[in-house]
């Protein structure tokens, strides 16, 4: 309510007691408490301007719950997204991981793990580890690949990496889904063996970090980066094809999420490119339609309120 002198805000505080240890009984009565706040509409504005301060990282996460993690398949120069179709063996997948934040201290994004499979999630077989051991791009350790993180980062809340295209032997579907576990830390927290982005440098035969000291990557070769107390394996995901965005629920101290990109469709061989593309137009539209619809629903829940109307 607005009066000439005040802005009046009224609400109700509802108390609904939790069940007792025996769910058949209760020990307290519910209550409704009216609350009324009066704010003066006129105030002295000659004082110094208010300067907002960043809330602590953990308290902001708990209160705001506005982190949105995403994976995008990008074009060759990273200027725009590209379709999931038309790839051949020998091509490169440019993947961009990002976290959208609001009212947070600056955050640094890490890709903790990525697994390729024939369906979303990591519980299907076959599957192939691309990134493992808390940020080691293990696919780049193979002799016939150039997969690596892109250095330097465009921003602290964004991380890019390239993967040489592959397919699963003996499978006729010629597609892959990539499931990645993304997480963030405060930007002033130094990278460590559990929070890092490491690529294998074949020319120097060493593991190199995107940032931080080189010793944080020393565990990548043996794969012993996880401490038993903090070990966290990527669990099975709900089956949501094409979903590339997921809102973090802000439960717990760490901010992290599992995100899926795909399906990435591969041509069978160079001679079949025309056939694949001709028949793939409808498939590309179908994939884009599914992916876009789900993308807007999830992002609308998080940060992008402007696109909430685009729900499926």
C-alpha atoms as a PDB file:
ATOM      1  CA  UNK A   1       0.000   0.000   0.000  1.00  0.00           C
ATOM      2  CA  UNK A   2       1.244   3.506  -0.826  1.00  0.00           C
ATOM      3  CA  UNK A   3       0.215   6.501   1.255  1.00  0.00           C
ATOM      4  CA  UNK A   4       1.402  10.095   0.836  1.00  0.00           C
ATOM      5  CA  UNK A   5       4.141   9.512   3.408  1.00  0.00           C
ATOM      6  CA  UNK A   6       4.787   5.771   3.506  1.00  0.00           C
ATOM      7  CA  UNK A   7       5.169   2.575   1.553  1.00  0.00           C
ATOM      8  CA  UNK A   8       3.431  -0.144   3.549  1.00  0.00           C
ATOM      9  CA  UNK A   9       4.297  -3.787   3.037  1.00  0.00           C
ATOM     10  CA  UNK A  10       2.110  -6.488   4.575  1.00  0.00           C
ATOM     11  CA  UNK A  11       2.702 -10.217   4.645  1.00  0.00           C
ATOM     12  CA  UNK A  12       1.923 -13.267   6.731  1.00  0.00           C
ATOM     13  CA  UNK A  13       4.406 -15.483   8.516  1.00  0.00           C
ATOM     14  CA  UNK A  14       3.117 -19.046   8.490  1.00  0.00           C
ATOM     15  CA  UNK A  15       4.362 -21.563  11.027  1.00  0.00           C
ATOM     16  CA  UNK A  16       3.702 -25.167  10.086  1.00  0.00           C
ATOM     17  CA  UNK A  17       5.229 -27.461  12.729  1.00  0.00           C
ATOM     18  CA  UNK A  18       7.193 -30.460  11.594  1.00  0.00           C
ATOM     19  CA  UNK A  19       5.881 -33.899  12.508  1.00  0.00           C
ATOM     20  CA  UNK A  20       7.143 -35.439  15.717  1.00  0.00           C
ATOM     21  CA  UNK A  21       9.404 -38.454  15.727  1.00  0.00           C
ATOM     22  CA  UNK A  22       6.228 -40.481  15.398  1.00  0.00           C
ATOM     23  CA  UNK A  23       4.529 -39.233  12.215  1.00  0.00           C
ATOM     24  CA  UNK A  24       1.114 -40.144  13.614  1.00  0.00           C
ATOM     25  CA  UNK A  25       1.216 -37.338  16.191  1.00  0.00           C
ATOM     26  CA  UNK A  26       2.033 -33.621  16.380  1.00  0.00           C
ATOM     27  CA  UNK A  27       3.184 -31.611  19.381  1.00  0.00           C
ATOM     28  CA  UNK A  28       2.651 -28.014  18.224  1.00  0.00           C
ATOM     29  CA  UNK A  29      -0.144 -26.021  16.678  1.00  0.00           C
ATOM     30  CA  UNK A  30       0.260 -24.125  13.405  1.00  0.00           C
ATOM     31  CA  UNK A  31       0.207 -20.333  13.581  1.00  0.00           C
ATOM     32  CA  UNK A  32      -0.191 -17.361  11.244  1.00  0.00           C
ATOM     33  CA  UNK A  33       1.508 -14.107  12.293  1.00  0.00           C
ATOM     34  CA  UNK A  34       0.718 -10.892  10.388  1.00  0.00           C
ATOM     35  CA  UNK A  35       3.704  -8.641   9.624  1.00  0.00           C
ATOM     36  CA  UNK A  36       3.494  -5.011   8.540  1.00  0.00           C
ATOM     37  CA  UNK A  37       6.460  -2.831   7.583  1.00  0.00           C
ATOM     38  CA  UNK A  38       6.317   0.940   7.033  1.00  0.00           C
ATOM     39  CA  UNK A  39       8.950   2.627   4.850  1.00  0.00           C
ATOM     40  CA  UNK A  40       9.041   6.444   4.709  1.00  0.00           C
ATOM     41  CA  UNK A  41       8.702   7.789   1.184  1.00  0.00           C
ATOM     42  CA  UNK A  42      10.657  10.917   1.960  1.00  0.00           C
ATOM     43  CA  UNK A  43      14.224  10.834   3.176  1.00  0.00           C
ATOM     44  CA  UNK A  44      17.313  12.999   3.341  1.00  0.00           C
ATOM     45  CA  UNK A  45      19.419  12.169   0.256  1.00  0.00           C
ATOM     46  CA  UNK A  46      22.333  14.488   0.978  1.00  0.00           C
ATOM     47  CA  UNK A  47      24.418  11.742   2.587  1.00  0.00           C
ATOM     48  CA  UNK A  48      27.068   9.781   0.723  1.00  0.00           C
ATOM     49  CA  UNK A  49      25.845   7.266  -1.828  1.00  0.00           C
ATOM     50  CA  UNK A  50      25.438   3.677  -0.730  1.00  0.00           C
ATOM     51  CA  UNK A  51      28.144   1.428  -2.116  1.00  0.00           C
ATOM     52  CA  UNK A  52      27.071  -2.206  -2.469  1.00  0.00           C
ATOM     53  CA  UNK A  53      29.415  -4.858  -1.167  1.00  0.00           C
ATOM     54  CA  UNK A  54      29.778  -8.426  -2.363  1.00  0.00           C
ATOM     55  CA  UNK A  55      28.132 -10.968  -0.118  1.00  0.00           C
ATOM     56  CA  UNK A  56      30.330 -13.906   0.877  1.00  0.00           C
ATOM     57  CA  UNK A  57      30.451 -16.670  -1.716  1.00  0.00           C
ATOM     58  CA  UNK A  58      28.788 -19.379   0.391  1.00  0.00           C
ATOM     59  CA  UNK A  59      25.988 -17.205   1.745  1.00  0.00           C
ATOM     60  CA  UNK A  60      25.190 -15.803  -1.690  1.00  0.00           C
ATOM     61  CA  UNK A  61      24.946 -19.280  -3.153  1.00  0.00           C
ATOM     62  CA  UNK A  62      22.549 -20.355  -0.456  1.00  0.00           C
ATOM     63  CA  UNK A  63      20.391 -17.250  -0.670  1.00  0.00           C
ATOM     64  CA  UNK A  64      20.314 -16.496  -4.367  1.00  0.00           C
ATOM     65  CA  UNK A  65      20.407 -19.923  -6.058  1.00  0.00           C
ATOM     66  CA  UNK A  66      21.090 -18.257  -9.395  1.00  0.00           C
ATOM     67  CA  UNK A  67      23.917 -20.149 -11.031  1.00  0.00           C
ATOM     68  CA  UNK A  68      23.228 -21.520 -14.503  1.00  0.00           C
ATOM     69  CA  UNK A  69      25.810 -23.850 -16.036  1.00  0.00           C
ATOM     70  CA  UNK A  70      25.899 -24.371 -19.805  1.00  0.00           C
ATOM     71  CA  UNK A  71      27.763 -26.170 -22.581  1.00  0.00           C
ATOM     72  CA  UNK A  72      27.759 -24.841 -26.137  1.00  0.00           C
ATOM     73  CA  UNK A  73      29.082 -26.273 -29.383  1.00  0.00           C
ATOM     74  CA  UNK A  74      30.859 -23.369 -31.101  1.00  0.00           C
ATOM     75  CA  UNK A  75      32.046 -22.591 -34.626  1.00  0.00           C
ATOM     76  CA  UNK A  76      35.696 -22.515 -35.671  1.00  0.00           C
ATOM     77  CA  UNK A  77      36.458 -18.977 -34.450  1.00  0.00           C
ATOM     78  CA  UNK A  78      34.282 -19.203 -31.313  1.00  0.00           C
ATOM     79  CA  UNK A  79      32.009 -16.345 -32.421  1.00  0.00           C
ATOM     80  CA  UNK A  80      28.713 -18.264 -32.543  1.00  0.00           C
ATOM     81  CA  UNK A  81      27.110 -21.602 -31.843  1.00  0.00           C
ATOM     82  CA  UNK A  82      27.018 -24.161 -34.637  1.00  0.00           C
ATOM     83  CA  UNK A  83      24.633 -27.037 -35.485  1.00  0.00           C
ATOM     84  CA  UNK A  84      25.236 -30.514 -34.119  1.00  0.00           C
ATOM     85  CA  UNK A  85      25.325 -32.050 -37.613  1.00  0.00           C
ATOM     86  CA  UNK A  86      27.820 -32.469 -40.456  1.00  0.00           C
ATOM     87  CA  UNK A  87      30.884 -33.605 -38.506  1.00  0.00           C
ATOM     88  CA  UNK A  88      33.407 -36.048 -39.933  1.00  0.00           C
ATOM     89  CA  UNK A  89      36.331 -37.891 -38.426  1.00  0.00           C
ATOM     90  CA  UNK A  90      39.266 -35.488 -38.521  1.00  0.00           C
ATOM     91  CA  UNK A  91      37.114 -32.490 -37.540  1.00  0.00           C
ATOM     92  CA  UNK A  92      37.331 -30.723 -34.184  1.00  0.00           C
ATOM     93  CA  UNK A  93      34.565 -30.058 -31.649  1.00  0.00           C
ATOM     94  CA  UNK A  94      34.870 -26.603 -30.078  1.00  0.00           C
ATOM     95  CA  UNK A  95      33.082 -26.757 -26.731  1.00  0.00           C
ATOM     96  CA  UNK A  96      32.475 -23.749 -24.503  1.00  0.00           C
ATOM     97  CA  UNK A  97      31.557 -24.194 -20.837  1.00  0.00           C
ATOM     98  CA  UNK A  98      30.116 -21.228 -18.994  1.00  0.00           C
ATOM     99  CA  UNK A  99      28.374 -20.290 -15.769  1.00  0.00           C
ATOM    100  CA  UNK A 100      25.978 -17.355 -15.609  1.00  0.00           C
ATOM    101  CA  UNK A 101      26.074 -15.576 -12.248  1.00  0.00           C
ATOM    102  CA  UNK A 102      24.162 -12.804 -10.538  1.00  0.00           C
ATOM    103  CA  UNK A 103      25.117 -10.908  -7.371  1.00  0.00           C
ATOM    104  CA  UNK A 104      28.093 -13.121  -6.708  1.00  0.00           C
ATOM    105  CA  UNK A 105      31.692 -12.636  -5.938  1.00  0.00           C
ATOM    106  CA  UNK A 106      33.669 -13.422  -9.112  1.00  0.00           C
ATOM    107  CA  UNK A 107      33.754 -17.158  -9.832  1.00  0.00           C
ATOM    108  CA  UNK A 108      36.155 -19.371 -11.774  1.00  0.00           C
ATOM    109  CA  UNK A 109      34.665 -22.242 -13.764  1.00  0.00           C
ATOM    110  CA  UNK A 110      36.223 -25.700 -14.060  1.00  0.00           C
ATOM    111  CA  UNK A 111      35.273 -28.745 -16.109  1.00  0.00           C
ATOM    112  CA  UNK A 112      35.774 -31.526 -13.600  1.00  0.00           C
ATOM    113  CA  UNK A 113      35.007 -34.416 -15.976  1.00  0.00           C
ATOM    114  CA  UNK A 114      33.470 -35.163 -19.373  1.00  0.00           C
ATOM    115  CA  UNK A 115      32.284 -38.542 -20.628  1.00  0.00           C
ATOM    116  CA  UNK A 116      31.133 -39.386 -24.159  1.00  0.00           C
ATOM    117  CA  UNK A 117      28.433 -42.015 -24.622  1.00  0.00           C
ATOM    118  CA  UNK A 118      25.666 -43.037 -27.010  1.00  0.00           C
ATOM    119  CA  UNK A 119      23.010 -41.547 -24.730  1.00  0.00           C
ATOM    120  CA  UNK A 120      22.901 -38.769 -22.094  1.00  0.00           C
ATOM    121  CA  UNK A 121      24.577 -39.638 -18.817  1.00  0.00           C
ATOM    122  CA  UNK A 122      27.463 -41.886 -17.903  1.00  0.00           C
ATOM    123  CA  UNK A 123      25.752 -45.123 -16.983  1.00  0.00           C
ATOM    124  CA  UNK A 124      25.487 -46.421 -20.551  1.00  0.00           C
ATOM    125  CA  UNK A 125      27.969 -48.639 -22.358  1.00  0.00           C
ATOM    126  CA  UNK A 126      30.177 -47.989 -24.204  1.00  0.00           C
ATOM    127  CA  UNK A 127      31.449 -44.715 -22.779  1.00  0.00           C
ATOM    128  CA  UNK A 128      34.743 -42.840 -23.122  1.00  0.00           C
ATOM    129  CA  UNK A 129      36.407 -40.400 -20.702  1.00  0.00           C
ATOM    130  CA  UNK A 130      37.424 -37.115 -22.339  1.00  0.00           C
ATOM    131  CA  UNK A 131      38.208 -35.173 -19.156  1.00  0.00           C
ATOM    132  CA  UNK A 132      38.885 -37.001 -15.893  1.00  0.00           C
ATOM    133  CA  UNK A 133      40.745 -36.763 -12.569  1.00  0.00           C
ATOM    134  CA  UNK A 134      39.295 -33.349 -11.637  1.00  0.00           C
ATOM    135  CA  UNK A 135      40.161 -31.440 -14.792  1.00  0.00           C
ATOM    136  CA  UNK A 136      42.741 -33.496 -16.719  1.00  0.00           C
ATOM    137  CA  UNK A 137      41.931 -33.553 -20.444  1.00  0.00           C
ATOM    138  CA  UNK A 138      42.960 -37.187 -20.809  1.00  0.00           C
ATOM    139  CA  UNK A 139      41.823 -37.464 -24.440  1.00  0.00           C
ATOM    140  CA  UNK A 140      44.746 -35.193 -25.345  1.00  0.00           C
ATOM    141  CA  UNK A 141      47.149 -37.777 -23.910  1.00  0.00           C
ATOM    142  CA  UNK A 142      46.368 -40.158 -26.787  1.00  0.00           C
ATOM    143  CA  UNK A 143      48.982 -40.260 -29.572  1.00  0.00           C
ATOM    144  CA  UNK A 144      46.570 -39.396 -32.397  1.00  0.00           C
ATOM    145  CA  UNK A 145      44.792 -36.375 -30.861  1.00  0.00           C
ATOM    146  CA  UNK A 146      45.334 -32.653 -30.376  1.00  0.00           C
ATOM    147  CA  UNK A 147      42.545 -32.199 -27.799  1.00  0.00           C
ATOM    148  CA  UNK A 148      43.321 -29.441 -25.285  1.00  0.00           C
ATOM    149  CA  UNK A 149      41.962 -26.595 -23.197  1.00  0.00           C
ATOM    150  CA  UNK A 150      42.213 -23.154 -24.829  1.00  0.00           C
ATOM    151  CA  UNK A 151      44.656 -20.816 -23.080  1.00  0.00           C
ATOM    152  CA  UNK A 152      44.078 -18.166 -21.863  1.00  0.00           C
ATOM    153  CA  UNK A 153      40.447 -18.139 -20.825  1.00  0.00           C
ATOM    154  CA  UNK A 154      38.137 -15.520 -22.341  1.00  0.00           C
ATOM    155  CA  UNK A 155      36.752 -14.913 -18.825  1.00  0.00           C
ATOM    156  CA  UNK A 156      37.087 -16.545 -15.433  1.00  0.00           C
ATOM    157  CA  UNK A 157      33.509 -17.860 -15.633  1.00  0.00           C
ATOM    158  CA  UNK A 158      34.121 -19.434 -19.064  1.00  0.00           C
ATOM    159  CA  UNK A 159      36.365 -22.292 -20.186  1.00  0.00           C
ATOM    160  CA  UNK A 160      36.908 -23.560 -23.732  1.00  0.00           C
ATOM    161  CA  UNK A 161      38.361 -26.816 -25.028  1.00  0.00           C
ATOM    162  CA  UNK A 162      38.760 -28.655 -28.321  1.00  0.00           C
ATOM    163  CA  UNK A 163      38.186 -32.346 -28.932  1.00  0.00           C
ATOM    164  CA  UNK A 164      39.124 -34.313 -32.030  1.00  0.00           C
ATOM    165  CA  UNK A 165      35.964 -35.913 -33.432  1.00  0.00           C
ATOM    166  CA  UNK A 166      35.578 -39.646 -32.837  1.00  0.00           C
ATOM    167  CA  UNK A 167      32.855 -42.265 -32.908  1.00  0.00           C
ATOM    168  CA  UNK A 168      32.264 -45.554 -31.143  1.00  0.00           C
ATOM    169  CA  UNK A 169      33.533 -48.523 -33.105  1.00  0.00           C
ATOM    170  CA  UNK A 170      30.903 -50.933 -34.312  1.00  0.00           C
ATOM    171  CA  UNK A 171      27.970 -48.612 -33.661  1.00  0.00           C
ATOM    172  CA  UNK A 172      25.845 -47.637 -36.659  1.00  0.00           C
ATOM    173  CA  UNK A 173      24.188 -44.591 -35.089  1.00  0.00           C
ATOM    174  CA  UNK A 174      27.248 -42.340 -35.599  1.00  0.00           C
ATOM    175  CA  UNK A 175      26.364 -39.976 -32.783  1.00  0.00           C
ATOM    176  CA  UNK A 176      27.712 -39.075 -29.367  1.00  0.00           C
ATOM    177  CA  UNK A 177      26.442 -37.305 -26.266  1.00  0.00           C
ATOM    178  CA  UNK A 178      28.933 -35.567 -23.997  1.00  0.00           C
ATOM    179  CA  UNK A 179      28.127 -35.296 -20.283  1.00  0.00           C
ATOM    180  CA  UNK A 180      30.311 -32.890 -18.292  1.00  0.00           C
ATOM    181  CA  UNK A 181      30.518 -32.135 -14.599  1.00  0.00           C
ATOM    182  CA  UNK A 182      31.034 -28.371 -14.142  1.00  0.00           C
ATOM    183  CA  UNK A 183      31.893 -26.575 -10.927  1.00  0.00           C
ATOM    184  CA  UNK A 184      33.024 -23.152  -9.710  1.00  0.00           C
ATOM    185  CA  UNK A 185      35.296 -21.779  -7.026  1.00  0.00           C
ATOM    186  CA  UNK A 186      35.876 -18.183  -5.853  1.00  0.00           C
ATOM    187  CA  UNK A 187      38.210 -16.493  -8.313  1.00  0.00           C
ATOM    188  CA  UNK A 188      40.659 -15.611  -5.540  1.00  0.00           C
ATOM    189  CA  UNK A 189      41.062 -19.292  -4.646  1.00  0.00           C
ATOM    190  CA  UNK A 190      44.224 -20.646  -6.219  1.00  0.00           C
ATOM    191  CA  UNK A 191      43.800 -23.675  -8.516  1.00  0.00           C
ATOM    192  CA  UNK A 192      44.777 -26.968  -6.905  1.00  0.00           C
ATOM    193  CA  UNK A 193      44.757 -30.689  -7.809  1.00  0.00           C
ATOM    194  CA  UNK A 194      40.985 -30.843  -7.224  1.00  0.00           C
ATOM    195  CA  UNK A 195      40.176 -27.621  -9.106  1.00  0.00           C
ATOM    196  CA  UNK A 196      42.214 -27.283 -12.285  1.00  0.00           C
ATOM    197  CA  UNK A 197      42.205 -27.363 -16.092  1.00  0.00           C
ATOM    198  CA  UNK A 198      45.182 -29.335 -17.444  1.00  0.00           C
ATOM    199  CA  UNK A 199      46.166 -30.284 -21.006  1.00  0.00           C
ATOM    200  CA  UNK A 200      48.956 -32.569 -22.188  1.00  0.00           C
ATOM    201  CA  UNK A 201      51.682 -30.760 -24.117  1.00  0.00           C
ATOM    202  CA  UNK A 202      53.069 -33.346 -26.543  1.00  0.00           C
ATOM    203  CA  UNK A 203      55.949 -31.141 -27.690  1.00  0.00           C
ATOM    204  CA  UNK A 204      57.299 -30.873 -24.133  1.00  0.00           C
ATOM    205  CA  UNK A 205      55.822 -34.156 -22.859  1.00  0.00           C
ATOM    206  CA  UNK A 206      54.310 -32.482 -19.794  1.00  0.00           C
ATOM    207  CA  UNK A 207      50.890 -31.606 -18.384  1.00  0.00           C
ATOM    208  CA  UNK A 208      50.250 -27.846 -18.382  1.00  0.00           C
ATOM    209  CA  UNK A 209      47.525 -25.905 -16.518  1.00  0.00           C
ATOM    210  CA  UNK A 210      45.393 -23.112 -17.953  1.00  0.00           C
ATOM    211  CA  UNK A 211      46.300 -21.203 -14.795  1.00  0.00           C
ATOM    212  CA  UNK A 212      48.155 -22.027 -11.608  1.00  0.00           C
ATOM    213  CA  UNK A 213      51.448 -23.763 -11.016  1.00  0.00           C
ATOM    214  CA  UNK A 214      52.442 -26.792 -13.086  1.00  0.00           C
ATOM    215  CA  UNK A 215      52.582 -29.093 -10.068  1.00  0.00           C
ATOM    216  CA  UNK A 216      48.770 -29.140  -9.782  1.00  0.00           C
ATOM    217  CA  UNK A 217      48.757 -31.220 -12.998  1.00  0.00           C
ATOM    218  CA  UNK A 218      51.328 -33.750 -11.811  1.00  0.00           C
ATOM    219  CA  UNK A 219      48.594 -36.154 -10.694  1.00  0.00           C
ATOM    220  CA  UNK A 220      47.074 -36.332 -14.206  1.00  0.00           C
ATOM    221  CA  UNK A 221      49.584 -38.895 -15.446  1.00  0.00           C
ATOM    222  CA  UNK A 222      48.851 -41.408 -12.694  1.00  0.00           C
ATOM    223  CA  UNK A 223      45.217 -40.413 -12.200  1.00  0.00           C
ATOM    224  CA  UNK A 224      45.534 -40.030  -8.431  1.00  0.00           C
ATOM    225  CA  UNK A 225      44.153 -36.489  -8.139  1.00  0.00           C
ATOM    226  CA  UNK A 226      41.131 -37.259  -5.980  1.00  0.00           C
ATOM    227  CA  UNK A 227      41.433 -37.458  -2.220  1.00  0.00           C
ATOM    228  CA  UNK A 228      39.216 -40.195  -0.738  1.00  0.00           C
ATOM    229  CA  UNK A 229      37.270 -37.720   1.386  1.00  0.00           C
ATOM    230  CA  UNK A 230      36.464 -35.435  -1.521  1.00  0.00           C
ATOM    231  CA  UNK A 231      36.057 -38.012  -4.274  1.00  0.00           C
ATOM    232  CA  UNK A 232      32.903 -37.336  -6.223  1.00  0.00           C
ATOM    233  CA  UNK A 233      32.018 -39.456  -9.217  1.00  0.00           C
ATOM    234  CA  UNK A 234      29.709 -38.292 -11.957  1.00  0.00           C
ATOM    235  CA  UNK A 235      26.359 -39.965 -11.326  1.00  0.00           C
ATOM    236  CA  UNK A 236      23.631 -41.016 -13.759  1.00  0.00           C
ATOM    237  CA  UNK A 237      21.524 -38.193 -15.156  1.00  0.00           C
ATOM    238  CA  UNK A 238      17.871 -37.939 -15.959  1.00  0.00           C
ATOM    239  CA  UNK A 239      17.187 -38.702 -19.617  1.00  0.00           C
ATOM    240  CA  UNK A 240      16.786 -35.259 -21.129  1.00  0.00           C
ATOM    241  CA  UNK A 241      18.061 -35.342 -24.766  1.00  0.00           C
ATOM    242  CA  UNK A 242      19.433 -32.083 -26.120  1.00  0.00           C
ATOM    243  CA  UNK A 243      19.454 -30.279 -22.788  1.00  0.00           C
ATOM    244  CA  UNK A 244      22.511 -28.080 -22.631  1.00  0.00           C
ATOM    245  CA  UNK A 245      21.662 -25.974 -19.607  1.00  0.00           C
ATOM    246  CA  UNK A 246      21.058 -26.895 -16.018  1.00  0.00           C
ATOM    247  CA  UNK A 247      20.340 -24.684 -13.038  1.00  0.00           C
ATOM    248  CA  UNK A 248      22.375 -25.272  -9.914  1.00  0.00           C
ATOM    249  CA  UNK A 249      20.173 -25.893  -6.859  1.00  0.00           C
ATOM    250  CA  UNK A 250      22.680 -24.247  -4.503  1.00  0.00           C
ATOM    251  CA  UNK A 251      22.461 -27.030  -1.914  1.00  0.00           C
ATOM    252  CA  UNK A 252      25.715 -27.526  -0.055  1.00  0.00           C
ATOM    253  CA  UNK A 253      28.980 -25.636  -0.110  1.00  0.00           C
ATOM    254  CA  UNK A 254      30.134 -26.516  -3.612  1.00  0.00           C
ATOM    255  CA  UNK A 255      28.505 -25.087  -6.727  1.00  0.00           C
ATOM    256  CA  UNK A 256      28.432 -27.709  -9.440  1.00  0.00           C
ATOM    257  CA  UNK A 257      26.170 -29.388 -11.982  1.00  0.00           C
ATOM    258  CA  UNK A 258      26.079 -32.149 -14.598  1.00  0.00           C
ATOM    259  CA  UNK A 259      25.373 -30.832 -18.103  1.00  0.00           C
ATOM    260  CA  UNK A 260      24.778 -32.706 -21.379  1.00  0.00           C
ATOM    261  CA  UNK A 261      25.488 -31.600 -24.940  1.00  0.00           C
ATOM    262  CA  UNK A 262      24.277 -33.590 -27.937  1.00  0.00           C
ATOM    263  CA  UNK A 263      23.548 -35.535 -29.913  1.00  0.00           C
ATOM    264  CA  UNK A 264      26.525 -34.653 -32.112  1.00  0.00           C
ATOM    265  CA  UNK A 265      25.834 -36.340 -35.467  1.00  0.00           C
ATOM    266  CA  UNK A 266      28.697 -37.722 -37.545  1.00  0.00           C
ATOM    267  CA  UNK A 267      28.854 -38.462 -41.265  1.00  0.00           C
ATOM    268  CA  UNK A 268      29.724 -42.078 -42.049  1.00  0.00           C
ATOM    269  CA  UNK A 269      32.501 -41.206 -44.532  1.00  0.00           C
ATOM    270  CA  UNK A 270      33.485 -38.325 -46.858  1.00  0.00           C
ATOM    271  CA  UNK A 271      31.664 -39.946 -49.784  1.00  0.00           C
ATOM    272  CA  UNK A 272      28.405 -39.924 -47.852  1.00  0.00           C
ATOM    273  CA  UNK A 273      28.533 -36.264 -46.845  1.00  0.00           C
ATOM    274  CA  UNK A 274      25.964 -35.148 -49.396  1.00  0.00           C
ATOM    275  CA  UNK A 275      23.621 -37.967 -48.468  1.00  0.00           C
ATOM    276  CA  UNK A 276      24.030 -37.290 -44.774  1.00  0.00           C
ATOM    277  CA  UNK A 277      23.451 -33.576 -45.096  1.00  0.00           C
ATOM    278  CA  UNK A 278      20.477 -33.992 -47.365  1.00  0.00           C
ATOM    279  CA  UNK A 279      18.853 -36.435 -45.004  1.00  0.00           C
ATOM    280  CA  UNK A 280      20.207 -34.590 -41.970  1.00  0.00           C
ATOM    281  CA  UNK A 281      18.354 -31.342 -42.495  1.00  0.00           C
ATOM    282  CA  UNK A 282      15.227 -32.697 -40.896  1.00  0.00           C
ATOM    283  CA  UNK A 283      17.284 -34.302 -38.157  1.00  0.00           C
ATOM    284  CA  UNK A 284      19.078 -31.037 -37.493  1.00  0.00           C
ATOM    285  CA  UNK A 285      15.769 -29.197 -37.208  1.00  0.00           C
ATOM    286  CA  UNK A 286      14.440 -31.855 -34.848  1.00  0.00           C
ATOM    287  CA  UNK A 287      17.530 -31.681 -32.647  1.00  0.00           C
ATOM    288  CA  UNK A 288      17.445 -27.889 -32.625  1.00  0.00           C
ATOM    289  CA  UNK A 289      13.776 -27.934 -31.759  1.00  0.00           C
ATOM    290  CA  UNK A 290      14.195 -30.298 -28.834  1.00  0.00           C
ATOM    291  CA  UNK A 291      17.348 -28.604 -27.591  1.00  0.00           C
ATOM    292  CA  UNK A 292      15.955 -25.080 -27.824  1.00  0.00           C
ATOM    293  CA  UNK A 293      12.721 -25.879 -26.058  1.00  0.00           C
ATOM    294  CA  UNK A 294      14.427 -27.521 -23.114  1.00  0.00           C
ATOM    295  CA  UNK A 295      17.139 -24.884 -23.024  1.00  0.00           C
ATOM    296  CA  UNK A 296      14.673 -22.031 -22.501  1.00  0.00           C
ATOM    297  CA  UNK A 297      12.729 -23.858 -19.820  1.00  0.00           C
ATOM    298  CA  UNK A 298      15.761 -24.499 -17.678  1.00  0.00           C
ATOM    299  CA  UNK A 299      17.408 -21.107 -18.193  1.00  0.00           C
ATOM    300  CA  UNK A 300      14.135 -19.362 -17.435  1.00  0.00           C
ATOM    301  CA  UNK A 301      14.099 -21.003 -14.020  1.00  0.00           C
ATOM    302  CA  UNK A 302      17.557 -19.624 -13.340  1.00  0.00           C
ATOM    303  CA  UNK A 303      18.735 -16.298 -14.691  1.00  0.00           C
ATOM    304  CA  UNK A 304      17.125 -15.619 -18.020  1.00  0.00           C
ATOM    305  CA  UNK A 305      13.705 -14.506 -16.881  1.00  0.00           C
ATOM    306  CA  UNK A 306      13.245 -12.700 -20.167  1.00  0.00           C
ATOM    307  CA  UNK A 307      12.934 -15.972 -22.054  1.00  0.00           C
ATOM    308  CA  UNK A 308      10.575 -17.691 -19.613  1.00  0.00           C
ATOM    309  CA  UNK A 309       7.747 -17.223 -22.080  1.00  0.00           C
ATOM    310  CA  UNK A 310       9.516 -19.506 -24.519  1.00  0.00           C
ATOM    311  CA  UNK A 311       8.761 -22.636 -22.487  1.00  0.00           C
ATOM    312  CA  UNK A 312       7.686 -25.715 -24.403  1.00  0.00           C
END
